[in-house]
Protein backbone atom coordinates (compact mmCIF):
# COMPACT_ATOMS: atom_id res chain seq x y z
CA MET A 1 0.00 0.00 0.00
CA THR A 2 1.71 3.23 -1.18
CA ARG A 3 1.05 6.51 0.67
CA PRO A 4 -2.71 5.95 1.04
CA VAL A 5 -3.36 9.28 2.74
CA GLU A 6 -2.26 11.21 -0.32
CA ARG A 7 -4.94 9.46 -2.36
CA VAL A 8 -7.61 10.35 0.20
CA VAL A 9 -6.57 13.99 0.61
CA SER A 10 -6.37 14.45 -3.15
CA ALA A 11 -9.79 12.92 -3.73
CA LEU A 12 -11.45 14.98 -0.98
CA GLY A 13 -9.55 18.17 -1.70
CA SER A 14 -12.56 19.90 -3.25
CA LEU A 15 -14.33 19.95 0.12
CA PRO A 16 -13.54 23.11 2.13
CA SER A 17 -13.30 21.12 5.35
CA ALA A 18 -10.82 18.73 3.78
CA ALA A 19 -8.44 21.50 2.75
CA ILE A 20 -6.00 20.90 5.60
CA PRO A 21 -2.28 20.89 4.95
CA VAL A 22 -0.85 17.38 5.09
CA ASP A 23 2.92 17.68 5.04
CA PRO A 24 5.10 14.67 4.16
CA GLU A 25 5.80 13.81 7.79
CA ARG A 26 2.11 13.81 8.70
CA ALA A 27 1.27 11.81 5.57
CA GLU A 28 3.81 9.19 6.59
CA THR A 29 2.32 8.99 10.08
CA LEU A 30 -1.20 8.50 8.75
CA ALA A 31 0.07 5.84 6.38
CA ALA A 32 1.81 4.17 9.34
CA PHE A 33 -1.52 4.06 11.19
CA VAL A 34 -3.20 2.33 8.24
CA ALA A 35 -0.34 -0.18 8.02
CA LEU A 36 -0.57 -0.86 11.77
CA VAL A 37 -4.29 -1.60 11.57
CA ALA A 38 -3.75 -3.81 8.52
CA SER A 39 -1.12 -5.81 10.39
CA PHE A 40 -3.22 -6.33 13.53
CA ASN A 41 -6.40 -6.93 11.52
CA THR A 42 -5.07 -10.25 10.25
CA LYS A 43 -4.87 -11.50 13.85
CA MET A 44 -7.57 -9.62 15.75
CA ASP A 45 -10.36 -8.89 13.24
CA LEU A 46 -10.41 -5.19 14.14
CA THR A 47 -12.49 -4.04 11.17
CA ALA A 48 -14.79 -5.42 8.50
CA ALA A 49 -12.62 -3.97 5.71
CA ARG A 50 -11.31 -6.68 3.41
CA THR A 51 -9.48 -4.67 0.74
CA ASP A 52 -6.84 -1.94 0.88
CA ASP A 53 -9.28 0.62 -0.54
CA GLU A 54 -11.94 -0.24 2.04
CA LEU A 55 -9.41 0.03 4.85
CA VAL A 56 -8.05 3.41 3.74
CA ASP A 57 -11.55 4.85 3.32
CA LEU A 58 -12.74 3.45 6.65
CA LEU A 59 -9.75 4.72 8.60
CA LEU A 60 -9.01 8.08 7.00
CA ALA A 61 -11.80 9.53 4.85
CA ASP A 62 -14.19 10.70 7.59
CA ALA A 63 -11.31 12.08 9.65
CA VAL A 64 -10.08 14.14 6.69
CA VAL A 65 -13.55 15.65 6.31
CA LEU A 66 -13.88 16.45 10.02
CA ALA A 67 -10.35 17.74 10.54
CA GLY A 68 -10.98 21.16 9.03
CA ALA A 69 -14.21 21.73 10.95
CA ILE A 70 -13.03 21.28 14.55
CA ALA A 71 -11.91 24.27 16.59
CA SER A 72 -8.29 24.72 17.59
CA GLY A 73 -7.28 23.00 20.80
CA ALA A 74 -10.53 21.07 21.16
CA ARG A 75 -10.97 18.13 23.50
CA VAL A 76 -12.48 15.37 21.37
CA VAL A 77 -14.14 12.12 22.44
CA ASP A 78 -14.57 9.25 19.97
CA VAL A 79 -17.15 6.81 21.33
CA GLY A 80 -16.93 3.21 20.15
CA SER A 81 -13.54 3.87 18.64
CA GLY A 82 -12.95 0.31 17.43
CA ALA A 83 -9.74 0.32 15.39
CA GLY A 84 -9.22 3.99 16.25
CA ALA A 85 -11.09 5.87 13.54
CA PRO A 86 -11.88 8.64 13.28
CA GLY A 87 -10.22 9.60 16.57
CA LEU A 88 -6.62 8.52 15.95
CA PRO A 89 -6.29 9.96 12.42
CA LEU A 90 -7.85 13.18 13.71
CA ALA A 91 -5.14 13.37 16.35
CA LEU A 92 -2.48 12.69 13.71
CA ALA A 93 -3.84 15.30 11.29
CA ARG A 94 -4.45 17.88 14.03
CA PRO A 95 -1.59 18.01 16.56
CA ASP A 96 -3.48 20.63 18.58
CA LEU A 97 -6.30 18.25 19.56
CA GLU A 98 -6.63 16.18 22.73
CA VAL A 99 -8.49 12.95 21.97
CA THR A 100 -10.15 10.36 24.21
CA LEU A 101 -10.93 7.01 22.60
CA VAL A 102 -13.78 5.14 24.28
CA GLU A 103 -13.95 1.40 23.58
CA PRO A 104 -15.32 -1.45 25.75
CA LEU A 105 -13.74 -4.49 24.02
CA ASP A 106 -10.45 -5.66 25.52
CA LYS A 107 -8.76 -6.69 22.27
CA ARG A 108 -9.47 -3.32 20.68
CA VAL A 109 -8.33 -1.44 23.77
CA MET A 110 -5.07 -3.38 23.64
CA PHE A 111 -4.61 -2.42 20.00
CA LEU A 112 -5.46 1.24 20.63
CA ARG A 113 -2.91 1.49 23.43
CA THR A 114 -0.29 -0.13 21.21
CA ALA A 115 -1.10 2.25 18.36
CA ILE A 116 -0.96 5.32 20.60
CA GLY A 117 2.51 4.31 21.77
CA LYS A 118 3.87 3.44 18.34
CA LEU A 119 2.49 6.65 16.79
CA GLY A 120 3.92 8.88 19.54
CA LEU A 121 0.55 10.14 20.75
CA SER A 122 0.74 9.25 24.45
CA SER A 123 0.85 12.88 25.60
CA ARG A 124 -2.53 13.84 24.12
CA VAL A 125 -4.49 10.68 23.31
CA ARG A 126 -5.87 8.30 25.93
CA VAL A 127 -8.13 5.26 25.98
CA GLU A 128 -11.09 4.63 28.28
CA ARG A 129 -12.11 0.96 28.44
CA LYS A 130 -15.84 1.46 28.88
CA ARG A 131 -18.99 2.46 27.08
CA GLY A 132 -19.71 6.09 26.36
CA GLU A 133 -22.59 6.19 28.83
CA ALA A 134 -20.14 5.55 31.67
CA LEU A 135 -18.46 8.92 31.06
CA VAL A 136 -21.62 10.99 31.44
CA GLY A 137 -21.24 13.19 34.50
CA ARG A 138 -17.56 12.25 34.86
CA ALA A 139 -16.04 14.09 31.90
CA THR A 140 -17.02 16.76 29.40
CA PHE A 141 -15.59 17.49 25.98
CA ASP A 142 -15.70 20.12 23.26
CA VAL A 143 -16.49 17.65 20.47
CA ALA A 144 -18.26 14.28 20.61
CA ILE A 145 -17.99 11.86 17.68
CA SER A 146 -19.27 8.34 17.11
CA ARG A 147 -19.52 6.22 14.00
CA ALA A 148 -21.85 3.22 13.67
CA THR A 149 -21.78 2.43 17.40
CA LEU A 150 -25.32 3.61 18.15
CA ALA A 151 -28.26 4.55 15.98
CA PRO A 152 -28.19 8.33 15.40
CA ALA A 153 -31.35 8.86 17.44
CA LEU A 154 -29.62 7.23 20.42
CA TRP A 155 -26.18 8.72 19.82
CA LEU A 156 -27.21 12.39 19.68
CA PRO A 157 -28.57 12.62 23.26
CA LEU A 158 -25.46 10.84 24.52
CA GLY A 159 -23.19 13.13 22.52
CA ARG A 160 -25.02 16.15 23.90
CA SER A 161 -24.38 14.88 27.44
CA LEU A 162 -20.68 14.40 26.73
CA ALA A 163 -20.24 17.79 25.03
CA PRO A 164 -23.01 19.94 26.55
CA GLU A 165 -21.33 23.23 25.62
CA GLY A 166 -19.69 21.94 22.47
CA THR A 167 -20.67 20.06 19.33
CA THR A 168 -21.77 16.53 18.47
CA TRP A 169 -21.12 14.89 15.10
CA ALA A 170 -23.35 12.27 13.51
CA LEU A 171 -21.58 10.25 10.81
CA LEU A 172 -24.20 8.69 8.57
CA ALA A 173 -24.08 6.15 5.76
CA LYS A 174 -27.55 6.99 4.50
CA GLY A 175 -30.84 8.58 5.46
CA GLU A 176 -31.88 11.94 6.80
CA ALA A 177 -30.10 13.70 9.63
CA PRO A 178 -32.23 13.06 12.72
CA ASP A 179 -33.61 15.74 15.00
CA CYS A 180 -32.73 15.83 18.68
CA GLU A 181 -34.27 17.98 21.39
CA GLY A 182 -31.80 20.63 22.53
CA LEU A 183 -29.60 20.32 19.44
CA GLU A 184 -29.62 21.96 16.03
CA ALA A 185 -27.64 21.07 12.92
CA THR A 186 -25.06 23.76 12.18
CA LEU A 187 -23.00 22.07 9.44
CA ASP A 188 -23.87 19.31 6.98
CA PHE A 189 -21.43 17.66 4.57
CA GLU A 190 -22.39 15.04 2.00
CA TYR A 191 -19.55 13.29 0.22
CA ASP A 192 -18.41 9.95 -1.17
CA TRP A 193 -15.57 7.92 0.20
CA PRO A 194 -12.97 8.48 -2.52
CA LEU A 195 -11.71 4.95 -3.12
CA THR A 196 -14.85 2.83 -2.71
CA GLY A 197 -17.52 5.41 -3.56
CA ALA A 198 -19.59 4.77 -0.43
CA HIS A 199 -21.88 7.73 0.24
CA ARG A 200 -21.37 9.52 3.55
CA ARG A 201 -22.90 12.37 5.47
CA ALA A 202 -21.33 14.22 8.40
CA VAL A 203 -23.66 16.47 10.39
CA ARG A 204 -22.50 18.75 13.20
CA TYR A 205 -24.95 19.64 15.97
CA ALA A 206 -24.72 22.35 18.62
CA SER A 207 -26.81 23.06 21.68
CA THR A 208 -29.80 25.35 21.29
CA ARG A 209 -29.64 26.31 24.97
CA GLY A 210 -27.77 29.34 26.17
């Protein structure tokens, strides 16, 4: 697999939010993350991706779209992080972010901790071995993200609880963006994953209160 991030950034470059500078060093780090997942995936079944293109899209494409739309210095929580996306590539693309990866499965937590160490992210990325609900009332964040862990109608209230003064992202494969009491959609991107063509939608919500 040759420099997969360059293919993703090039394909998504027409989106304003994707227009983030990816210097050679950062591109190499993102490519190293993809290679790390690919290596562990043969032993641990971390993702459902079965081709190189599926893996690159799954791990990097959504993160590239989100990276330009998150405020500087934000504290981000990725609930149900799985193999680490989009949280880990966000941290790699945006060195100013602090990221918490929330994942309940032991084998995935082990991989995430290994990846954080190998990618040099220990100072600003941490893993919580639990479900997202367990953080409510214990921690708050500026940005809450989850992909395919909960149905959007269930995720949005949880995201609002985790980032009550911030924003919650819903990452959708299809369908309309759901409504949620106390939240309003403030940004809505529709795009296709560049290598497999899968249609995606990323909707950012903010609190309507105060």
